[in-house]
Protein backbone atom coordinates (compact mmCIF):
# COMPACT_ATOMS: atom_id res chain seq x y z
CA MET A 1 0.04 -0.23 -0.02
CA ASP A 2 1.61 3.31 -0.79
CA SER A 3 2.04 6.37 1.16
CA THR A 4 -1.17 8.32 -0.45
CA MET A 5 -3.44 5.19 0.24
CA LYS A 6 -2.11 5.05 4.07
CA LYS A 7 -2.72 8.84 4.46
CA TYR A 8 -6.14 8.21 2.92
CA PHE A 9 -7.10 5.58 5.28
CA SER A 10 -5.67 7.21 8.18
CA VAL A 11 -7.86 10.30 7.61
CA ILE A 12 -10.99 8.30 6.92
CA ALA A 13 -10.24 6.45 10.21
CA PHE A 14 -9.75 10.01 12.09
CA ALA A 15 -13.35 11.04 10.44
CA LEU A 16 -15.06 7.60 11.75
CA ALA A 17 -13.57 8.52 15.15
CA LEU A 18 -14.80 12.02 15.05
CA SER A 19 -18.22 10.90 13.98
CA PHE A 20 -18.69 8.17 17.06
CA LEU A 21 -17.49 10.58 19.45
CA GLY A 22 -20.04 13.18 18.26
CA ALA A 23 -17.36 16.01 17.18
CA CYS A 24 -19.05 16.32 13.82
CA SER A 25 -21.63 18.54 15.00
CA SER A 26 -20.45 22.04 16.26
CA PRO A 27 -22.17 24.72 18.35
CA PRO A 28 -23.19 28.15 16.81
CA LYS A 29 -20.10 30.04 16.44
CA THR A 30 -19.50 33.87 16.07
CA VAL A 31 -17.16 35.50 13.53
CA GLN A 32 -15.82 38.66 14.19
CA GLN A 33 -14.43 40.79 11.33
CA THR A 34 -13.00 44.32 11.72
CA ALA A 35 -13.26 46.74 8.98
CA PRO A 36 -9.92 47.56 7.27
CA GLN A 37 -8.29 50.63 8.55
CA PRO A 38 -6.86 53.34 6.05
CA GLN A 39 -2.99 53.27 5.81
CA ALA A 40 -2.40 56.86 6.80
CA GLN A 41 -4.89 58.97 9.09
CA GLN A 42 -5.19 62.64 9.17
CA PRO A 43 -5.58 63.97 12.63
CA LEU A 44 -9.13 65.13 13.15
CA PRO A 45 -10.07 68.42 14.55
CA ALA A 46 -10.32 68.50 18.31
CA SER A 47 -14.28 69.18 18.17
CA GLN A 48 -14.54 65.83 16.29
CA PRO A 49 -14.34 62.32 18.01
CA SER A 50 -12.18 59.90 16.79
CA PRO A 51 -14.06 56.96 14.53
CA GLU A 52 -14.18 53.50 16.17
CA PRO A 53 -13.55 50.24 14.06
CA GLU A 54 -17.00 49.16 12.56
CA ILE A 55 -17.32 45.55 13.85
CA VAL A 56 -19.22 42.99 11.77
CA LYS A 57 -20.75 40.06 13.53
CA GLU A 58 -22.18 36.99 11.52
CA GLU A 59 -23.56 33.86 13.23
CA THR A 60 -24.02 30.49 11.94
CA SER A 61 -25.66 27.59 13.69
CA ALA A 62 -25.43 24.02 12.67
CA SER A 63 -29.17 23.54 13.24
CA GLU A 64 -29.87 26.22 10.43
CA GLU A 65 -28.08 24.10 7.57
CA GLU A 66 -29.97 22.09 5.08
CA PRO A 67 -30.40 18.38 5.59
CA ASP A 68 -27.57 16.04 4.41
CA GLU A 69 -29.78 15.04 1.16
CA GLU A 70 -29.63 18.62 -0.28
CA LEU A 71 -26.03 19.51 0.48
CA ASP A 72 -23.90 21.12 -2.17
CA THR A 73 -20.90 19.22 -2.56
CA SER A 74 -19.43 20.74 -5.63
CA GLU A 75 -16.68 22.34 -3.78
CA LEU A 76 -15.21 19.73 -1.99
CA THR A 77 -11.82 19.61 -3.38
CA GLU A 78 -10.21 21.76 -0.74
CA LEU A 79 -10.59 20.40 2.79
CA ASN A 80 -9.60 22.61 5.76
CA GLU A 81 -9.04 20.39 9.23
CA GLU A 82 -10.16 23.40 11.01
CA ASP A 83 -13.61 23.42 9.53
CA PRO A 84 -16.15 22.24 11.77
CA ASP A 85 -17.54 20.04 8.77
CA TYR A 86 -14.14 18.69 7.99
CA ALA A 87 -15.28 15.12 8.95
CA ARG A 88 -18.34 15.34 7.02
CA ASN A 89 -16.73 16.85 3.84
CA LEU A 90 -14.29 13.79 3.99
CA VAL A 91 -17.40 11.34 4.37
CA LEU A 92 -19.18 13.05 1.20
CA GLN A 93 -15.70 13.10 -0.74
CA ALA A 94 -15.40 9.32 -0.15
CA TRP A 95 -18.84 8.69 -1.40
CA GLU A 96 -18.59 10.66 -4.60
CA LYS A 97 -15.30 8.87 -5.55
CA ASP A 98 -15.41 7.56 -8.97
CA ALA A 99 -12.96 5.36 -11.04
CA THR A 100 -11.75 7.74 -13.72
CA GLU A 101 -8.08 8.07 -12.08
CA TRP A 102 -7.49 4.34 -13.26
CA ARG A 103 -9.07 4.48 -16.95
CA ASP A 104 -5.83 3.40 -18.26
CA LYS A 105 -5.29 0.49 -15.60
CA ILE A 106 -7.76 -1.99 -17.64
CA GLY A 107 -7.63 -5.31 -15.64
CA GLN A 108 -5.97 -3.67 -12.28
CA ARG A 109 -8.01 -3.94 -8.76
CA PHE A 110 -8.41 -1.09 -6.64
CA SER A 111 -10.09 -1.21 -3.07
CA HIS A 112 -11.84 1.77 -1.75
CA THR A 113 -13.56 2.43 1.78
CA LEU A 114 -16.76 4.08 2.14
CA PRO A 115 -17.62 5.68 5.81
CA PRO A 116 -20.94 5.27 7.34
CA LYS A 117 -23.48 7.79 6.76
CA GLY A 118 -22.96 8.03 2.88
CA ILE A 119 -24.97 9.85 0.18
CA GLU A 120 -26.08 8.65 -3.20
CA SER A 121 -24.43 9.93 -6.08
CA GLN A 122 -24.75 9.38 -9.79
CA ILE A 123 -24.20 6.09 -11.74
CA TRP A 124 -24.70 4.94 -15.00
CA GLY A 125 -24.86 1.05 -15.73
CA VAL A 126 -26.12 -2.20 -14.15
CA ASP A 127 -23.27 -4.55 -12.64
CA ILE A 128 -20.86 -3.14 -15.36
CA TYR A 129 -20.78 0.52 -14.36
CA THR A 130 -19.33 3.65 -16.17
CA ASP A 131 -15.72 4.66 -14.58
CA ASP A 132 -17.27 8.10 -13.90
CA SER A 133 -19.96 6.51 -11.77
CA SER A 134 -19.62 6.72 -7.85
CA ILE A 135 -18.10 3.70 -6.76
CA GLY A 136 -20.10 4.05 -3.16
CA SER A 137 -23.31 4.38 -5.04
CA ALA A 138 -22.82 1.66 -7.36
CA ALA A 139 -21.68 -0.46 -4.36
CA VAL A 140 -25.11 0.21 -2.88
CA HIS A 141 -27.00 -0.57 -6.08
CA ALA A 142 -25.20 -3.73 -6.37
CA GLY A 143 -26.04 -4.90 -2.74
CA LEU A 144 -22.83 -4.92 -1.49
CA ILE A 145 -22.97 -2.25 0.99
CA SER A 146 -25.68 0.39 2.46
CA PHE A 147 -25.03 3.96 2.94
CA GLU A 148 -25.81 3.84 6.43
CA GLN A 149 -22.94 1.30 7.45
CA GLY A 150 -20.55 1.90 4.57
CA GLY A 151 -17.87 -0.93 4.03
CA THR A 152 -14.79 -1.64 1.95
CA VAL A 153 -15.26 -2.94 -1.71
CA THR A 154 -13.00 -3.66 -4.56
CA ILE A 155 -13.49 -2.95 -8.16
CA GLU A 156 -11.58 -4.07 -11.30
CA MET A 157 -11.16 -2.00 -14.28
CA CYS A 158 -12.63 -3.12 -17.64
CA PRO A 159 -12.61 -1.87 -21.02
CA GLY A 160 -15.59 0.61 -21.67
CA GLN A 161 -18.70 -0.34 -23.53
CA ASP A 162 -20.98 1.01 -26.17
CA THR A 163 -23.79 1.23 -23.92
CA TYR A 164 -24.89 0.74 -20.45
CA GLU A 165 -28.14 -0.29 -18.80
CA GLY A 166 -30.06 1.42 -15.81
CA SER A 167 -32.12 -0.06 -12.98
CA THR A 168 -33.15 0.83 -9.69
CA ARG A 169 -31.92 -1.53 -7.07
CA ASN A 170 -31.54 -1.36 -3.12
CA GLY A 171 -33.09 2.23 -3.62
CA VAL A 172 -30.29 3.31 -5.89
CA GLN A 173 -31.25 4.62 -9.55
CA SER A 174 -28.77 4.00 -12.06
CA LYS A 175 -29.02 5.69 -15.22
CA ALA A 176 -28.88 3.89 -18.86
CA TRP A 177 -25.82 5.48 -21.22
CA THR A 178 -26.53 5.02 -24.98
CA GLU A 179 -24.95 8.13 -26.45
CA GLU A 180 -21.23 6.91 -27.50
CA HIS A 181 -18.71 4.26 -26.58
CA TRP A 182 -17.83 5.03 -23.22
CA PRO A 183 -13.81 4.66 -22.37
CA ALA A 184 -13.88 2.36 -19.31
CA SER A 185 -15.90 0.44 -16.80
CA PHE A 186 -15.55 -1.16 -13.60
CA VAL A 187 -16.93 -4.12 -12.00
CA PHE A 188 -16.98 -5.41 -8.41
CA VAL A 189 -14.87 -8.37 -7.22
CA GLN A 190 -14.78 -10.27 -3.97
């Protein structure tokens, strides 16, 4: 196992530990921002008081956030360990992972660990999935794991196909793809 995978698994283990300890939820926080001060200030006449810096307060609350099913996950590439949603973002990122980075590794196998409390993402195919399908959602579709419990699955990269069927299984809808030959696929292996 290379160092990148070891780091990935240690981060996932950390996220799981945080979720079991309840550290994923955070109390409301107050952020204070001070308005920028001019570089050089002219002295005011003695009859006018000095201006005070303007303070802007913004309050956010975890209870005001949208439910998990409606989270906007389009900006998950940059994760910040100080962000109170860090562990949740790691979970989302794991569940949205696809196999496109292994497109040129036909015949090779890769394991992927999916933490509990995952979300459904888009998939195309039935038993043979396009390489841009969510590995986690495809695994739930195939009946190997659940969103609630997560798990580790192994995929094998395969050549692409001209078409992919669609179906609904285990509460997950996969779409059909019939527009053009797709470059690569994956299947689950034991």
